[in-house]
N, C-alpha and C. Protein backbone atom coordinates (compact mmCIF):
# COMPACT_ATOMS: atom_id res chain seq x y z
N MET A 1 0.84 -1.18 0.00
CA MET A 1 0.00 0.00 0.00
C MET A 1 0.89 1.24 0.00
N LYS A 2 0.67 2.13 -0.95
CA LYS A 2 1.36 3.41 -0.99
C LYS A 2 0.49 4.41 -0.25
N ASN A 3 1.11 5.27 0.51
CA ASN A 3 0.41 6.30 1.24
C ASN A 3 0.91 7.65 0.77
N ILE A 4 0.03 8.65 0.78
CA ILE A 4 0.41 9.99 0.37
C ILE A 4 -0.10 11.01 1.37
N ILE A 5 0.58 12.13 1.41
CA ILE A 5 0.11 13.30 2.16
C ILE A 5 0.49 14.54 1.36
N ALA A 6 -0.17 15.63 1.70
CA ALA A 6 0.14 16.92 1.07
C ALA A 6 0.89 17.79 2.07
N TYR A 7 1.78 18.61 1.55
CA TYR A 7 2.56 19.54 2.35
C TYR A 7 2.55 20.87 1.63
N ASP A 8 2.15 21.94 2.31
CA ASP A 8 2.17 23.27 1.72
C ASP A 8 3.53 23.89 1.93
N SER A 9 4.15 24.31 0.82
CA SER A 9 5.50 24.86 0.88
C SER A 9 5.56 26.20 0.17
N PRO A 10 6.65 26.93 0.36
CA PRO A 10 6.82 28.20 -0.35
C PRO A 10 6.93 28.05 -1.87
N VAL A 11 7.22 26.84 -2.36
CA VAL A 11 7.32 26.63 -3.81
C VAL A 11 6.07 25.96 -4.38
N GLY A 12 5.04 25.80 -3.55
CA GLY A 12 3.79 25.20 -3.99
C GLY A 12 3.45 23.96 -3.19
N LYS A 13 2.27 23.42 -3.48
CA LYS A 13 1.82 22.21 -2.79
C LYS A 13 2.71 21.03 -3.18
N ILE A 14 3.16 20.31 -2.17
CA ILE A 14 4.01 19.14 -2.37
C ILE A 14 3.22 17.89 -2.01
N THR A 15 3.35 16.86 -2.82
CA THR A 15 2.77 15.56 -2.50
C THR A 15 3.91 14.63 -2.14
N LEU A 16 3.80 14.02 -0.96
CA LEU A 16 4.78 13.03 -0.50
C LEU A 16 4.14 11.66 -0.58
N ALA A 17 4.91 10.68 -1.01
CA ALA A 17 4.45 9.29 -1.03
C ALA A 17 5.41 8.47 -0.19
N GLY A 18 4.87 7.44 0.46
CA GLY A 18 5.70 6.58 1.29
C GLY A 18 5.15 5.17 1.33
N ASP A 19 6.02 4.25 1.76
CA ASP A 19 5.62 2.84 1.83
C ASP A 19 5.51 2.33 3.26
N GLY A 20 5.56 3.24 4.22
CA GLY A 20 5.48 2.86 5.62
C GLY A 20 6.80 3.02 6.34
N THR A 21 7.91 2.85 5.62
CA THR A 21 9.23 3.01 6.24
C THR A 21 10.10 4.02 5.50
N SER A 22 9.81 4.30 4.25
CA SER A 22 10.64 5.19 3.43
C SER A 22 9.77 6.16 2.65
N ILE A 23 10.37 7.28 2.27
CA ILE A 23 9.73 8.19 1.32
C ILE A 23 10.02 7.64 -0.07
N THR A 24 8.97 7.47 -0.86
CA THR A 24 9.11 6.92 -2.21
C THR A 24 8.83 7.96 -3.29
N GLY A 25 8.31 9.12 -2.90
CA GLY A 25 8.04 10.16 -3.87
C GLY A 25 7.88 11.51 -3.21
N LEU A 26 8.29 12.55 -3.91
CA LEU A 26 8.06 13.93 -3.50
C LEU A 26 7.96 14.74 -4.78
N TRP A 27 6.76 15.27 -5.03
CA TRP A 27 6.53 16.04 -6.25
C TRP A 27 5.91 17.38 -5.90
N ILE A 28 6.36 18.40 -6.60
CA ILE A 28 5.78 19.73 -6.48
C ILE A 28 4.64 19.81 -7.49
N GLU A 29 3.51 20.30 -7.04
CA GLU A 29 2.33 20.38 -7.90
C GLU A 29 2.68 21.01 -9.25
N GLY A 30 2.28 20.33 -10.31
CA GLY A 30 2.49 20.83 -11.66
C GLY A 30 3.82 20.44 -12.29
N GLN A 31 4.68 19.76 -11.55
CA GLN A 31 5.97 19.42 -12.14
C GLN A 31 5.81 18.31 -13.17
N LYS A 32 6.75 18.26 -14.08
CA LYS A 32 6.80 17.21 -15.09
C LYS A 32 6.98 15.86 -14.39
N TYR A 33 6.33 14.85 -14.88
CA TYR A 33 6.37 13.48 -14.32
C TYR A 33 5.76 13.40 -12.92
N PHE A 34 4.85 14.32 -12.59
CA PHE A 34 4.20 14.33 -11.28
C PHE A 34 3.56 12.97 -10.99
N GLY A 35 3.95 12.36 -9.87
CA GLY A 35 3.35 11.09 -9.44
C GLY A 35 3.64 9.91 -10.34
N ARG A 36 4.66 9.99 -11.17
CA ARG A 36 4.95 8.95 -12.17
C ARG A 36 5.10 7.56 -11.56
N THR A 37 5.65 7.45 -10.38
CA THR A 37 5.89 6.13 -9.80
C THR A 37 4.77 5.67 -8.87
N LEU A 38 3.71 6.46 -8.77
CA LEU A 38 2.58 6.05 -7.93
C LEU A 38 1.70 5.05 -8.67
N GLU A 39 1.26 4.05 -7.96
CA GLU A 39 0.30 3.10 -8.49
C GLU A 39 -1.04 3.48 -7.90
N THR A 40 -1.87 4.18 -8.67
CA THR A 40 -3.06 4.85 -8.14
C THR A 40 -4.05 3.93 -7.44
N GLU A 41 -4.12 2.68 -7.83
CA GLU A 41 -5.07 1.79 -7.16
C GLU A 41 -4.64 1.43 -5.74
N GLU A 42 -3.43 1.78 -5.37
CA GLU A 42 -2.92 1.44 -4.04
C GLU A 42 -2.75 2.65 -3.13
N ILE A 43 -3.28 3.80 -3.50
CA ILE A 43 -3.04 5.02 -2.74
C ILE A 43 -4.08 5.21 -1.64
N GLU A 44 -3.60 5.54 -0.48
CA GLU A 44 -4.45 5.87 0.65
C GLU A 44 -3.84 7.07 1.34
N GLU A 45 -4.65 8.09 1.62
CA GLU A 45 -4.13 9.26 2.30
C GLU A 45 -4.17 9.01 3.80
N ARG A 46 -3.00 8.93 4.40
CA ARG A 46 -2.92 8.76 5.85
C ARG A 46 -1.51 9.09 6.32
N GLY A 47 -1.39 9.34 7.60
CA GLY A 47 -0.10 9.71 8.16
C GLY A 47 0.67 8.49 8.63
N MET A 48 1.97 8.67 8.72
CA MET A 48 2.85 7.67 9.29
C MET A 48 4.11 8.40 9.75
N GLU A 49 4.90 7.76 10.57
CA GLU A 49 6.07 8.43 11.16
C GLU A 49 7.03 8.97 10.10
N VAL A 50 7.26 8.25 9.01
CA VAL A 50 8.18 8.76 7.99
C VAL A 50 7.67 10.07 7.39
N PHE A 51 6.34 10.22 7.28
CA PHE A 51 5.79 11.49 6.79
C PHE A 51 6.02 12.60 7.81
N ARG A 52 5.82 12.30 9.08
CA ARG A 52 6.05 13.32 10.12
C ARG A 52 7.52 13.77 10.09
N ALA A 53 8.43 12.82 9.95
CA ALA A 53 9.86 13.15 9.88
C ALA A 53 10.17 13.97 8.63
N ALA A 54 9.58 13.59 7.50
CA ALA A 54 9.81 14.32 6.25
C ALA A 54 9.26 15.74 6.34
N CYS A 55 8.09 15.90 6.93
CA CYS A 55 7.50 17.24 7.07
C CYS A 55 8.35 18.10 8.01
N ARG A 56 8.86 17.52 9.08
CA ARG A 56 9.76 18.28 9.98
C ARG A 56 11.00 18.72 9.20
N TRP A 57 11.56 17.79 8.40
CA TRP A 57 12.75 18.12 7.61
C TRP A 57 12.43 19.25 6.63
N LEU A 58 11.29 19.15 5.95
CA LEU A 58 10.90 20.20 5.00
C LEU A 58 10.69 21.53 5.71
N ASP A 59 10.09 21.52 6.90
CA ASP A 59 9.94 22.76 7.67
C ASP A 59 11.29 23.42 7.89
N HIS A 60 12.27 22.64 8.31
CA HIS A 60 13.62 23.17 8.53
C HIS A 60 14.24 23.65 7.21
N TYR A 61 14.10 22.84 6.18
CA TYR A 61 14.67 23.18 4.88
C TYR A 61 14.14 24.52 4.38
N PHE A 62 12.82 24.71 4.44
CA PHE A 62 12.24 25.95 3.92
C PHE A 62 12.49 27.15 4.83
N ARG A 63 13.03 26.91 6.02
CA ARG A 63 13.50 28.02 6.86
C ARG A 63 14.97 28.32 6.57
N GLY A 64 15.55 27.58 5.61
CA GLY A 64 16.94 27.80 5.23
C GLY A 64 17.94 27.09 6.12
N GLU A 65 17.47 26.08 6.85
CA GLU A 65 18.34 25.34 7.76
C GLU A 65 18.85 24.07 7.09
N LYS A 66 20.15 23.93 7.08
CA LYS A 66 20.80 22.75 6.51
C LYS A 66 20.72 21.60 7.51
N GLU A 67 20.21 20.47 7.07
CA GLU A 67 20.03 19.34 7.98
C GLU A 67 20.15 18.02 7.21
N GLU A 68 20.77 17.04 7.81
CA GLU A 68 20.85 15.71 7.20
C GLU A 68 19.44 15.10 7.16
N ILE A 69 19.21 14.24 6.19
CA ILE A 69 17.91 13.58 6.07
C ILE A 69 17.89 12.39 7.05
N PRO A 70 17.01 12.44 8.07
CA PRO A 70 17.01 11.41 9.11
C PRO A 70 16.05 10.24 8.84
N PHE A 71 15.69 10.03 7.60
CA PHE A 71 14.76 8.94 7.25
C PHE A 71 15.22 8.37 5.92
N SER A 72 14.70 7.21 5.57
CA SER A 72 15.17 6.56 4.34
C SER A 72 14.36 7.00 3.12
N LEU A 73 15.04 6.95 1.99
CA LEU A 73 14.45 7.26 0.70
C LEU A 73 14.49 6.00 -0.14
N ALA A 74 13.41 5.72 -0.86
CA ALA A 74 13.34 4.53 -1.70
C ALA A 74 12.74 4.88 -3.06
N PRO A 75 13.52 5.59 -3.89
CA PRO A 75 13.02 5.94 -5.21
C PRO A 75 12.93 4.71 -6.11
N LYS A 76 11.90 4.66 -6.92
CA LYS A 76 11.73 3.55 -7.85
C LYS A 76 12.26 3.97 -9.21
N GLY A 77 13.22 3.18 -9.75
CA GLY A 77 13.79 3.50 -11.04
C GLY A 77 14.76 2.42 -11.48
N SER A 78 15.26 2.55 -12.70
CA SER A 78 16.22 1.59 -13.26
C SER A 78 17.55 1.67 -12.52
N ASP A 79 18.42 0.70 -12.75
CA ASP A 79 19.75 0.73 -12.15
C ASP A 79 20.51 1.99 -12.56
N PHE A 80 20.39 2.37 -13.83
CA PHE A 80 21.05 3.58 -14.31
C PHE A 80 20.53 4.80 -13.56
N GLN A 81 19.20 4.93 -13.45
CA GLN A 81 18.62 6.06 -12.73
C GLN A 81 19.07 6.07 -11.27
N GLN A 82 19.08 4.90 -10.64
CA GLN A 82 19.51 4.82 -9.24
C GLN A 82 20.94 5.32 -9.08
N SER A 83 21.80 4.98 -10.04
CA SER A 83 23.20 5.42 -9.99
C SER A 83 23.30 6.94 -10.08
N VAL A 84 22.52 7.52 -10.97
CA VAL A 84 22.51 8.99 -11.13
C VAL A 84 21.98 9.63 -9.85
N TRP A 85 20.87 9.12 -9.34
CA TRP A 85 20.27 9.70 -8.13
C TRP A 85 21.20 9.57 -6.92
N SER A 86 21.98 8.52 -6.89
CA SER A 86 22.96 8.34 -5.81
C SER A 86 24.01 9.46 -5.85
N ILE A 87 24.45 9.81 -7.04
CA ILE A 87 25.41 10.91 -7.19
C ILE A 87 24.77 12.22 -6.76
N LEU A 88 23.51 12.43 -7.14
CA LEU A 88 22.81 13.66 -6.75
C LEU A 88 22.77 13.83 -5.23
N ARG A 89 22.58 12.73 -4.52
CA ARG A 89 22.48 12.78 -3.05
C ARG A 89 23.79 13.22 -2.40
N GLU A 90 24.89 13.16 -3.15
CA GLU A 90 26.20 13.57 -2.63
C GLU A 90 26.47 15.07 -2.82
N VAL A 91 25.62 15.76 -3.59
CA VAL A 91 25.85 17.18 -3.85
C VAL A 91 25.47 17.96 -2.59
N PRO A 92 26.42 18.68 -2.02
CA PRO A 92 26.16 19.39 -0.76
C PRO A 92 25.12 20.50 -0.89
N TYR A 93 24.46 20.77 0.19
CA TYR A 93 23.51 21.87 0.34
C TYR A 93 24.17 23.16 -0.12
N GLY A 94 23.49 23.92 -0.97
CA GLY A 94 24.02 25.19 -1.42
C GLY A 94 25.07 25.13 -2.50
N LYS A 95 25.41 23.93 -2.96
CA LYS A 95 26.41 23.74 -4.01
C LYS A 95 25.71 23.24 -5.27
N THR A 96 26.40 23.30 -6.39
CA THR A 96 25.84 22.81 -7.65
C THR A 96 26.82 21.86 -8.32
N ILE A 97 26.30 21.14 -9.29
CA ILE A 97 27.09 20.21 -10.09
C ILE A 97 26.53 20.29 -11.51
N THR A 98 27.33 19.99 -12.49
CA THR A 98 26.85 20.03 -13.87
C THR A 98 26.45 18.63 -14.34
N TYR A 99 25.64 18.60 -15.38
CA TYR A 99 25.26 17.33 -16.00
C TYR A 99 26.51 16.58 -16.45
N GLY A 100 27.46 17.33 -17.01
CA GLY A 100 28.71 16.73 -17.48
C GLY A 100 29.54 16.13 -16.36
N MET A 101 29.58 16.79 -15.22
CA MET A 101 30.32 16.27 -14.07
C MET A 101 29.70 14.97 -13.56
N ILE A 102 28.37 14.92 -13.55
CA ILE A 102 27.68 13.69 -13.14
C ILE A 102 28.00 12.58 -14.14
N ALA A 103 27.96 12.90 -15.43
CA ALA A 103 28.28 11.91 -16.46
C ALA A 103 29.71 11.39 -16.28
N GLU A 104 30.65 12.27 -15.96
CA GLU A 104 32.04 11.84 -15.73
C GLU A 104 32.14 10.92 -14.51
N LYS A 105 31.48 11.29 -13.42
CA LYS A 105 31.51 10.45 -12.21
C LYS A 105 30.91 9.07 -12.49
N LEU A 106 29.81 9.06 -13.22
CA LEU A 106 29.13 7.81 -13.53
C LEU A 106 30.00 6.94 -14.44
N ALA A 107 30.63 7.54 -15.43
CA ALA A 107 31.52 6.80 -16.33
C ALA A 107 32.67 6.18 -15.52
N GLU A 108 33.20 6.94 -14.60
CA GLU A 108 34.29 6.43 -13.76
C GLU A 108 33.81 5.25 -12.91
N GLN A 109 32.63 5.38 -12.32
CA GLN A 109 32.07 4.29 -11.50
C GLN A 109 31.84 3.02 -12.32
N LEU A 110 31.45 3.20 -13.57
CA LEU A 110 31.13 2.06 -14.43
C LEU A 110 32.34 1.57 -15.23
N GLY A 111 33.48 2.23 -15.07
CA GLY A 111 34.67 1.83 -15.79
C GLY A 111 34.60 2.11 -17.28
N ARG A 112 33.91 3.16 -17.65
CA ARG A 112 33.78 3.55 -19.06
C ARG A 112 34.61 4.79 -19.33
N GLU A 113 34.89 5.00 -20.60
CA GLU A 113 35.61 6.21 -20.98
C GLU A 113 34.74 7.44 -20.87
N SER A 114 33.46 7.29 -21.22
CA SER A 114 32.56 8.44 -21.17
C SER A 114 31.12 7.97 -20.94
N MET A 115 30.28 8.94 -20.67
CA MET A 115 28.86 8.70 -20.45
C MET A 115 28.12 9.90 -21.03
N SER A 116 26.96 9.67 -21.57
CA SER A 116 26.17 10.74 -22.17
C SER A 116 25.54 11.65 -21.11
N ALA A 117 25.86 12.94 -21.20
CA ALA A 117 25.24 13.91 -20.29
C ALA A 117 23.74 13.99 -20.55
N GLN A 118 23.31 13.74 -21.78
CA GLN A 118 21.88 13.75 -22.09
C GLN A 118 21.16 12.60 -21.40
N ALA A 119 21.79 11.42 -21.36
CA ALA A 119 21.19 10.28 -20.66
C ALA A 119 21.10 10.58 -19.17
N VAL A 120 22.12 11.21 -18.64
CA VAL A 120 22.12 11.63 -17.24
C VAL A 120 20.96 12.60 -17.01
N GLY A 121 20.79 13.56 -17.92
CA GLY A 121 19.70 14.52 -17.81
C GLY A 121 18.34 13.86 -17.81
N GLY A 122 18.18 12.81 -18.62
CA GLY A 122 16.91 12.08 -18.64
C GLY A 122 16.63 11.40 -17.31
N ALA A 123 17.66 10.84 -16.68
CA ALA A 123 17.50 10.20 -15.37
C ALA A 123 17.18 11.24 -14.30
N ILE A 124 17.84 12.38 -14.38
CA ILE A 124 17.60 13.44 -13.40
C ILE A 124 16.16 13.95 -13.52
N ALA A 125 15.68 14.11 -14.74
CA ALA A 125 14.31 14.60 -14.96
C ALA A 125 13.27 13.67 -14.36
N ARG A 126 13.59 12.38 -14.25
CA ARG A 126 12.64 11.40 -13.75
C ARG A 126 12.83 11.09 -12.27
N ASN A 127 13.63 11.90 -11.60
CA ASN A 127 13.84 11.75 -10.16
C ASN A 127 12.49 11.85 -9.45
N PRO A 128 12.04 10.78 -8.78
CA PRO A 128 10.73 10.81 -8.15
C PRO A 128 10.72 11.44 -6.76
N ILE A 129 11.87 11.85 -6.25
CA ILE A 129 11.92 12.43 -4.90
C ILE A 129 12.67 13.76 -4.97
N SER A 130 12.05 14.74 -5.64
CA SER A 130 12.73 16.02 -5.79
C SER A 130 12.93 16.68 -4.42
N ILE A 131 13.80 17.63 -4.39
CA ILE A 131 14.26 18.36 -3.20
C ILE A 131 15.11 17.45 -2.30
N LEU A 132 14.55 16.31 -1.86
CA LEU A 132 15.31 15.39 -1.01
C LEU A 132 16.47 14.75 -1.78
N ILE A 133 16.23 14.38 -3.02
CA ILE A 133 17.29 14.00 -3.94
C ILE A 133 17.44 15.23 -4.82
N PRO A 134 18.44 16.07 -4.54
CA PRO A 134 18.46 17.45 -5.00
C PRO A 134 18.79 17.70 -6.48
N CYS A 135 17.86 17.37 -7.34
CA CYS A 135 18.07 17.60 -8.77
C CYS A 135 18.09 19.08 -9.12
N HIS A 136 17.57 19.93 -8.23
CA HIS A 136 17.61 21.38 -8.48
C HIS A 136 19.04 21.92 -8.42
N ARG A 137 19.97 21.14 -7.91
CA ARG A 137 21.37 21.58 -7.80
C ARG A 137 22.19 21.28 -9.06
N VAL A 138 21.54 20.78 -10.11
CA VAL A 138 22.25 20.46 -11.35
C VAL A 138 22.06 21.60 -12.35
N VAL A 139 23.18 22.06 -12.90
CA VAL A 139 23.17 23.17 -13.85
C VAL A 139 23.95 22.78 -15.11
N GLY A 140 23.77 23.57 -16.15
CA GLY A 140 24.53 23.35 -17.37
C GLY A 140 25.99 23.74 -17.18
N THR A 141 26.87 23.16 -17.97
CA THR A 141 28.31 23.43 -17.87
C THR A 141 28.62 24.92 -18.03
N ASN A 142 27.83 25.59 -18.85
CA ASN A 142 28.05 27.01 -19.10
C ASN A 142 27.37 27.91 -18.06
N GLY A 143 26.76 27.32 -17.03
CA GLY A 143 26.07 28.09 -16.00
C GLY A 143 24.60 28.29 -16.25
N SER A 144 24.06 27.63 -17.27
CA SER A 144 22.64 27.81 -17.55
C SER A 144 21.79 27.03 -16.55
N LEU A 145 20.72 27.69 -16.12
CA LEU A 145 19.75 27.06 -15.22
C LEU A 145 18.68 26.43 -16.12
N THR A 146 18.80 25.17 -16.32
CA THR A 146 17.92 24.49 -17.26
C THR A 146 17.58 23.11 -16.74
N GLY A 147 16.52 22.56 -17.28
CA GLY A 147 16.23 21.15 -17.06
C GLY A 147 15.55 20.76 -15.77
N TYR A 148 14.96 21.65 -15.00
CA TYR A 148 14.32 21.26 -13.75
C TYR A 148 12.85 20.95 -14.00
N ALA A 149 12.45 19.73 -13.66
CA ALA A 149 11.06 19.29 -13.90
C ALA A 149 10.04 20.14 -13.14
N GLY A 150 10.47 20.79 -12.06
CA GLY A 150 9.58 21.65 -11.28
C GLY A 150 9.49 23.06 -11.82
N GLY A 151 10.25 23.37 -12.86
CA GLY A 151 10.25 24.71 -13.45
C GLY A 151 11.45 25.52 -13.01
N ILE A 152 11.95 26.33 -13.90
CA ILE A 152 13.14 27.14 -13.64
C ILE A 152 12.94 28.09 -12.46
N GLU A 153 11.75 28.68 -12.34
CA GLU A 153 11.50 29.61 -11.24
C GLU A 153 11.68 28.92 -9.89
N ARG A 154 11.18 27.69 -9.80
CA ARG A 154 11.32 26.95 -8.54
C ARG A 154 12.77 26.55 -8.30
N LYS A 155 13.47 26.20 -9.37
CA LYS A 155 14.89 25.86 -9.24
C LYS A 155 15.64 27.04 -8.65
N ILE A 156 15.37 28.23 -9.17
CA ILE A 156 16.01 29.44 -8.66
C ILE A 156 15.65 29.66 -7.20
N GLN A 157 14.36 29.51 -6.86
CA GLN A 157 13.92 29.68 -5.47
C GLN A 157 14.69 28.74 -4.53
N LEU A 158 14.81 27.48 -4.92
CA LEU A 158 15.48 26.49 -4.07
C LEU A 158 16.97 26.80 -3.93
N LEU A 159 17.62 27.17 -5.02
CA LEU A 159 19.04 27.51 -4.96
C LEU A 159 19.27 28.77 -4.12
N GLU A 160 18.40 29.75 -4.27
CA GLU A 160 18.53 30.98 -3.46
C GLU A 160 18.27 30.67 -1.99
N LEU A 161 17.30 29.82 -1.70
CA LEU A 161 17.03 29.42 -0.33
C LEU A 161 18.27 28.79 0.31
N GLU A 162 19.00 28.00 -0.48
CA GLU A 162 20.22 27.34 0.00
C GLU A 162 21.43 28.27 -0.03
N LYS A 163 21.20 29.51 -0.44
CA LYS A 163 22.26 30.52 -0.53
C LYS A 163 23.39 30.10 -1.47
N ALA A 164 23.02 29.43 -2.56
CA ALA A 164 23.99 29.07 -3.59
C ALA A 164 24.48 30.35 -4.26
N ASP A 165 25.72 30.37 -4.70
CA ASP A 165 26.28 31.51 -5.42
C ASP A 165 25.64 31.56 -6.80
N MET A 166 24.74 32.51 -7.00
CA MET A 166 23.96 32.60 -8.23
C MET A 166 24.62 33.50 -9.28
N ASN A 167 25.76 34.08 -8.98
CA ASN A 167 26.40 35.05 -9.87
C ASN A 167 26.74 34.52 -11.25
N ARG A 168 27.11 33.27 -11.37
CA ARG A 168 27.54 32.75 -12.67
C ARG A 168 26.41 32.08 -13.45
N PHE A 169 25.20 32.05 -12.89
CA PHE A 169 24.09 31.36 -13.54
C PHE A 169 23.22 32.30 -14.35
N PHE A 170 22.59 31.74 -15.37
CA PHE A 170 21.65 32.51 -16.18
C PHE A 170 20.55 31.58 -16.68
N VAL A 171 19.42 32.18 -17.02
CA VAL A 171 18.30 31.43 -17.56
C VAL A 171 18.37 31.56 -19.08
N PRO A 172 18.54 30.42 -19.78
CA PRO A 172 18.60 30.50 -21.24
C PRO A 172 17.27 30.93 -21.82
N LYS A 173 17.31 31.47 -23.02
CA LYS A 173 16.08 31.97 -23.67
C LYS A 173 15.07 30.84 -23.87
N THR A 174 15.53 29.63 -24.05
CA THR A 174 14.65 28.47 -24.23
C THR A 174 14.82 27.52 -23.06
N ALA A 175 14.60 28.04 -21.85
CA ALA A 175 14.75 27.21 -20.63
C ALA A 175 13.70 26.13 -20.62
N GLY A 176 14.12 24.92 -20.19
CA GLY A 176 13.18 23.81 -20.13
C GLY A 176 13.37 22.98 -18.92
């Protein structure tokens, strides 16, 4: 049984999904791939301790407080996606990483010469636990703020909340 709750945040209504012990989804209302990993016939709205812990964490996060995640995350995805999301979880609060840097790290982990930054971008876009698995911290090599499923405006809000150095970033004319 998948359980969901709603959380009101400064970036919009958030839907959290959990399996009783882990957070399995976090989507901002209107984001691309919203609820993609939810199996609708199994959804029940109810509280559980992991939701209470996640909401406390989000309260702290939206107050600009840096805090370790004290509960487990269980995103559903392919082995490739899991590898990309694992790298995302290593990006420190208030810092950024490029799609190319993630591709390089992944290639090194897999013992390959190279990895497609576009394939990495596809995995990042399908991250089912946004904010907690910080895909908003990924930027283009040239400093472009692009590719956030929750929208560029929200990406900027989250990076500014984390006090990331925004001086070198820009929004491309065709931001997506």
